[in-house]
C-alpha atoms as a PDB file:
ATOM      1  CA  MET A   1     -58.796 -41.588  27.367  1.00  0.00           C
ATOM      2  CA  HIS A   2     -56.084 -44.041  25.132  1.00  0.00           C
ATOM      3  CA  LEU A   3     -54.436 -44.300  22.083  1.00  0.00           C
ATOM      4  CA  ASP A   4     -55.894 -47.103  19.826  1.00  0.00           C
ATOM      5  CA  TRP A   5     -53.195 -48.389  16.901  1.00  0.00           C
ATOM      6  CA  GLY A   6     -52.987 -51.728  15.205  1.00  0.00           C
ATOM      7  CA  ILE A   7     -49.312 -51.034  14.587  1.00  0.00           C
ATOM      8  CA  LYS A   8     -48.925 -52.972  11.353  1.00  0.00           C
ATOM      9  CA  PRO A   9     -50.327 -56.162  10.507  1.00  0.00           C
ATOM     10  CA  SER A  10     -47.262 -57.309   7.961  1.00  0.00           C
ATOM     11  CA  LEU A  11     -44.915 -56.428  11.293  1.00  0.00           C
ATOM     12  CA  LEU A  12     -47.428 -58.374  13.301  1.00  0.00           C
ATOM     13  CA  MET A  13     -48.023 -61.665  11.897  1.00  0.00           C
ATOM     14  CA  TYR A  14     -44.265 -61.706  10.474  1.00  0.00           C
ATOM     15  CA  VAL A  15     -43.176 -61.836  14.690  1.00  0.00           C
ATOM     16  CA  ALA A  16     -46.060 -64.819  14.985  1.00  0.00           C
ATOM     17  CA  GLY A  17     -44.947 -66.332  12.366  1.00  0.00           C
ATOM     18  CA  ALA A  18     -41.217 -66.783  12.890  1.00  0.00           C
ATOM     19  CA  PRO A  19     -39.132 -69.100  14.927  1.00  0.00           C
ATOM     20  CA  GLY A  20     -38.857 -68.155  18.082  1.00  0.00           C
ATOM     21  CA  GLY A  21     -40.563 -64.989  17.608  1.00  0.00           C
ATOM     22  CA  ARG A  22     -42.715 -63.106  19.881  1.00  0.00           C
ATOM     23  CA  LEU A  23     -44.172 -59.757  21.311  1.00  0.00           C
ATOM     24  CA  ALA A  24     -43.511 -58.154  24.502  1.00  0.00           C
ATOM     25  CA  VAL A  25     -46.673 -56.702  25.914  1.00  0.00           C
ATOM     26  CA  ASP A  26     -46.683 -54.604  29.501  1.00  0.00           C
ATOM     27  CA  PRO A  27     -49.510 -55.709  31.539  1.00  0.00           C
ATOM     28  CA  GLU A  28     -50.891 -51.745  31.889  1.00  0.00           C
ATOM     29  CA  VAL A  29     -50.838 -52.148  27.607  1.00  0.00           C
ATOM     30  CA  GLY A  30     -54.585 -53.675  26.266  1.00  0.00           C
ATOM     31  CA  GLY A  31     -55.999 -54.095  23.174  1.00  0.00           C
ATOM     32  CA  GLU A  32     -58.264 -56.491  21.457  1.00  0.00           C
ATOM     33  CA  GLY A  33     -56.868 -58.923  17.874  1.00  0.00           C
ATOM     34  CA  ALA A  34     -53.986 -56.507  16.393  1.00  0.00           C
ATOM     35  CA  SER A  35     -55.086 -53.282  18.166  1.00  0.00           C
ATOM     36  CA  PHE A  36     -52.726 -52.409  21.779  1.00  0.00           C
ATOM     37  CA  TRP A  37     -54.715 -49.853  24.132  1.00  0.00           C
ATOM     38  CA  PHE A  38     -52.595 -46.938  25.359  1.00  0.00           C
ATOM     39  CA  ARG A  39     -53.696 -45.412  28.713  1.00  0.00           C
ATOM     40  CA  LEU A  40     -53.099 -41.960  28.646  1.00  0.00           C
ATOM     41  CA  ASP A  41     -50.852 -41.180  31.256  1.00  0.00           C
ATOM     42  CA  VAL A  42     -52.064 -37.732  32.832  1.00  0.00           C
ATOM     43  CA  GLU A  43     -48.947 -36.532  34.968  1.00  0.00           C
ATOM     44  CA  ARG A  44     -46.634 -36.301  31.491  1.00  0.00           C
ATOM     45  CA  SER A  45     -49.667 -35.842  29.338  1.00  0.00           C
ATOM     46  CA  ALA A  46     -49.612 -32.150  31.322  1.00  0.00           C
ATOM     47  CA  ALA A  47     -45.976 -31.317  31.638  1.00  0.00           C
ATOM     48  CA  LEU A  48     -46.311 -31.366  28.159  1.00  0.00           C
ATOM     49  CA  PRO A  49     -46.247 -27.553  26.000  1.00  0.00           C
ATOM     50  CA  GLY A  50     -50.098 -27.058  24.989  1.00  0.00           C
ATOM     51  CA  GLY A  51     -50.367 -31.344  26.971  1.00  0.00           C
ATOM     52  CA  GLY A  52     -53.792 -31.908  28.740  1.00  0.00           C
ATOM     53  CA  THR A  53     -56.773 -34.558  28.564  1.00  0.00           C
ATOM     54  CA  THR A  54     -59.453 -33.109  26.039  1.00  0.00           C
ATOM     55  CA  PRO A  55     -59.700 -33.128  21.966  1.00  0.00           C
ATOM     56  CA  ASP A  56     -58.805 -29.389  21.694  1.00  0.00           C
ATOM     57  CA  ALA A  57     -54.980 -30.073  24.101  1.00  0.00           C
ATOM     58  CA  ARG A  58     -52.033 -30.356  20.876  1.00  0.00           C
ATOM     59  CA  ALA A  59     -49.936 -33.238  22.671  1.00  0.00           C
ATOM     60  CA  PHE A  60     -50.613 -36.180  25.048  1.00  0.00           C
ATOM     61  CA  ALA A  61     -48.405 -38.983  26.117  1.00  0.00           C
ATOM     62  CA  PHE A  62     -49.674 -42.544  26.763  1.00  0.00           C
ATOM     63  CA  GLY A  63     -47.432 -45.604  29.118  1.00  0.00           C
ATOM     64  CA  GLY A  64     -46.469 -48.730  27.929  1.00  0.00           C
ATOM     65  CA  SER A  65     -44.764 -50.736  25.538  1.00  0.00           C
ATOM     66  CA  VAL A  66     -45.499 -53.593  22.901  1.00  0.00           C
ATOM     67  CA  ALA A  67     -41.746 -55.258  22.154  1.00  0.00           C
ATOM     68  CA  PHE A  68     -41.078 -56.986  18.429  1.00  0.00           C
ATOM     69  CA  PHE A  69     -39.369 -60.599  19.060  1.00  0.00           C
ATOM     70  CA  GLY A  70     -38.039 -61.844  15.324  1.00  0.00           C
ATOM     71  CA  HIS A  71     -35.848 -65.537  14.921  1.00  0.00           C
ATOM     72  CA  PHE A  72     -35.098 -66.915  17.592  1.00  0.00           C
ATOM     73  CA  GLY A  73     -36.074 -63.858  19.879  1.00  0.00           C
ATOM     74  CA  SER A  74     -34.367 -61.046  18.112  1.00  0.00           C
ATOM     75  CA  PHE A  75     -35.007 -57.517  19.177  1.00  0.00           C
ATOM     76  CA  VAL A  76     -36.742 -55.837  15.501  1.00  0.00           C
ATOM     77  CA  GLY A  77     -38.066 -52.648  17.633  1.00  0.00           C
ATOM     78  CA  GLU A  78     -40.428 -51.401  20.545  1.00  0.00           C
ATOM     79  CA  ILE A  79     -42.549 -49.057  20.200  1.00  0.00           C
ATOM     80  CA  GLY A  80     -42.654 -47.247  24.192  1.00  0.00           C
ATOM     81  CA  ASP A  81     -44.556 -44.944  26.489  1.00  0.00           C
ATOM     82  CA  PRO A  82     -45.697 -43.134  22.431  1.00  0.00           C
ATOM     83  CA  GLU A  83     -46.589 -39.116  22.530  1.00  0.00           C
ATOM     84  CA  VAL A  84     -47.812 -37.627  19.896  1.00  0.00           C
ATOM     85  CA  ARG A  85     -47.506 -33.662  19.246  1.00  0.00           C
ATOM     86  CA  ALA A  86     -48.855 -31.035  16.599  1.00  0.00           C
ATOM     87  CA  ASP A  87     -46.365 -29.088  15.056  1.00  0.00           C
ATOM     88  CA  GLU A  88     -45.816 -26.096  13.256  1.00  0.00           C
ATOM     89  CA  GLY A  89     -48.525 -27.021  10.612  1.00  0.00           C
ATOM     90  CA  ASP A  90     -50.617 -29.289  10.051  1.00  0.00           C
ATOM     91  CA  SER A  91     -48.775 -32.195  11.257  1.00  0.00           C
ATOM     92  CA  TRP A  92     -48.705 -34.256  14.185  1.00  0.00           C
ATOM     93  CA  THR A  93     -45.122 -36.438  15.878  1.00  0.00           C
ATOM     94  CA  MET A  94     -46.057 -39.017  17.712  1.00  0.00           C
ATOM     95  CA  SER A  95     -42.294 -40.048  18.813  1.00  0.00           C
ATOM     96  CA  VAL A  96     -41.844 -42.903  20.796  1.00  0.00           C
ATOM     97  CA  LEU A  97     -39.023 -44.121  23.892  1.00  0.00           C
ATOM     98  CA  ASP A  98     -36.176 -46.988  23.762  1.00  0.00           C
ATOM     99  CA  ARG A  99     -36.322 -47.283  27.710  1.00  0.00           C
ATOM    100  CA  GLU A 100     -33.292 -49.555  27.545  1.00  0.00           C
ATOM    101  CA  SER A 101     -31.533 -45.921  26.819  1.00  0.00           C
ATOM    102  CA  GLY A 102     -33.515 -43.963  27.865  1.00  0.00           C
ATOM    103  CA  VAL A 103     -33.333 -42.130  23.817  1.00  0.00           C
ATOM    104  CA  ARG A 104     -37.174 -40.556  22.361  1.00  0.00           C
ATOM    105  CA  THR A 105     -37.905 -40.442  19.273  1.00  0.00           C
ATOM    106  CA  ASP A 106     -39.478 -38.717  16.541  1.00  0.00           C
ATOM    107  CA  ALA A 107     -40.681 -42.348  15.317  1.00  0.00           C
ATOM    108  CA  PHE A 108     -43.871 -40.930  13.449  1.00  0.00           C
ATOM    109  CA  ARG A 109     -45.423 -38.208  10.948  1.00  0.00           C
ATOM    110  CA  LEU A 110     -49.354 -38.471  11.353  1.00  0.00           C
ATOM    111  CA  VAL A 111     -49.576 -36.609   8.169  1.00  0.00           C
ATOM    112  CA  GLY A 112     -53.237 -33.563   8.548  1.00  0.00           C
ATOM    113  CA  GLU A 113     -55.393 -32.529  11.696  1.00  0.00           C
ATOM    114  CA  PRO A 114     -56.411 -35.259  13.230  1.00  0.00           C
ATOM    115  CA  GLU A 115     -60.242 -36.475  12.341  1.00  0.00           C
ATOM    116  CA  GLY A 116     -63.215 -35.661  15.176  1.00  0.00           C
ATOM    117  CA  ALA A 117     -65.231 -38.599  14.733  1.00  0.00           C
ATOM    118  CA  ASP A 118     -68.171 -40.240  17.062  1.00  0.00           C
ATOM    119  CA  GLY A 119     -69.022 -36.032  17.917  1.00  0.00           C
ATOM    120  CA  GLY A 120     -65.889 -35.220  19.168  1.00  0.00           C
ATOM    121  CA  ARG A 121     -65.072 -38.217  21.285  1.00  0.00           C
ATOM    122  CA  LEU A 122     -62.149 -39.746  19.108  1.00  0.00           C
ATOM    123  CA  LEU A 123     -59.459 -38.211  17.341  1.00  0.00           C
ATOM    124  CA  ARG A 124     -57.743 -40.315  14.158  1.00  0.00           C
ATOM    125  CA  TRP A 125     -54.589 -39.830  11.631  1.00  0.00           C
ATOM    126  CA  THR A 126     -55.472 -42.818   9.084  1.00  0.00           C
ATOM    127  CA  GLN A 127     -51.786 -41.319   7.149  1.00  0.00           C
ATOM    128  CA  VAL A 128     -49.717 -42.555   9.435  1.00  0.00           C
ATOM    129  CA  GLU A 129     -45.357 -42.428   7.998  1.00  0.00           C
ATOM    130  CA  VAL A 130     -42.317 -44.216   9.201  1.00  0.00           C
ATOM    131  CA  SER A 131     -40.072 -40.627   9.945  1.00  0.00           C
ATOM    132  CA  GLU A 132     -36.598 -40.246   8.968  1.00  0.00           C
ATOM    133  CA  ALA A 133     -35.692 -40.926  12.807  1.00  0.00           C
ATOM    134  CA  GLY A 134     -38.483 -43.848  12.695  1.00  0.00           C
ATOM    135  CA  ALA A 135     -36.665 -45.163   9.981  1.00  0.00           C
ATOM    136  CA  GLY A 136     -33.391 -46.623  11.368  1.00  0.00           C
ATOM    137  CA  LEU A 137     -35.339 -47.763  15.243  1.00  0.00           C
ATOM    138  CA  TRP A 138     -36.885 -51.067  12.538  1.00  0.00           C
ATOM    139  CA  GLY A 139     -32.745 -52.451  11.379  1.00  0.00           C
ATOM    140  CA  GLY A 140     -33.878 -50.489   7.968  1.00  0.00           C
ATOM    141  CA  ASN A 141     -37.089 -52.846   7.867  1.00  0.00           C
ATOM    142  CA  TYR A 142     -39.217 -49.433   6.946  1.00  0.00           C
ATOM    143  CA  PRO A 143     -37.342 -46.826   5.614  1.00  0.00           C
ATOM    144  CA  ALA A 144     -38.979 -42.626   6.328  1.00  0.00           C
ATOM    145  CA  GLY A 145     -42.323 -42.897   4.578  1.00  0.00           C
ATOM    146  CA  THR A 146     -43.654 -46.642   4.982  1.00  0.00           C
ATOM    147  CA  ARG A 147     -46.985 -46.368   6.383  1.00  0.00           C
ATOM    148  CA  PHE A 148     -48.126 -47.988   9.636  1.00  0.00           C
ATOM    149  CA  GLU A 149     -52.150 -48.280  10.406  1.00  0.00           C
ATOM    150  CA  PRO A 150     -53.771 -45.942  11.052  1.00  0.00           C
ATOM    151  CA  VAL A 151     -54.062 -43.891  14.728  1.00  0.00           C
ATOM    152  CA  THR A 152     -57.252 -42.953  17.019  1.00  0.00           C
ATOM    153  CA  ILE A 153     -57.502 -41.446  20.456  1.00  0.00           C
ATOM    154  CA  ASP A 154     -60.309 -41.893  22.070  1.00  0.00           C
ATOM    155  CA  PHE A 155     -61.654 -39.427  24.502  1.00  0.00           C
ATOM    156  CA  GLY A 156     -64.414 -41.808  25.933  1.00  0.00           C
ATOM    157  CA  GLU A 157     -64.227 -45.389  27.301  1.00  0.00           C
ATOM    158  CA  ASP A 158     -62.049 -45.798  29.967  1.00  0.00           C
ATOM    159  CA  VAL A 159     -59.959 -49.149  29.396  1.00  0.00           C
ATOM    160  CA  THR A 160     -57.806 -49.613  32.534  1.00  0.00           C
ATOM    161  CA  SER A 161     -60.046 -52.818  33.475  1.00  0.00           C
ATOM    162  CA  ARG A 162     -59.267 -54.217  30.922  1.00  0.00           C
END
């Protein structure tokens, strides 16, 4: 089980094209091309209120980090140890951890209930927006409401070997 996310193509292109720009991707994060796979952290998921490992759970925790560095290695932002949880109503929140400070921020709003697909194997949110709190994580480059790529939780294939 894993979270599959393309994050934001323009951010990835900026990092790839900036002099000294780079990604710092934990070895536990998989993926192909511009899609990153954050593996389920079973223990953290079970400890979250409503957390679990099945499509009917209301909270999931994933491990790994992708950090973005722009011009001359300047820090741009980080997606660290994402957690996805249901909110009141029909939206969900994805928080990320700043591993250096240990501070977790509710950085993204996943709008609406997830779409189920592939016989219940996938949960997908097509509208992913930066939250008010998340806007501060990107140095003002992505204000609240900025759209990021869709997020999918895949309950099928184990990507541990990738």
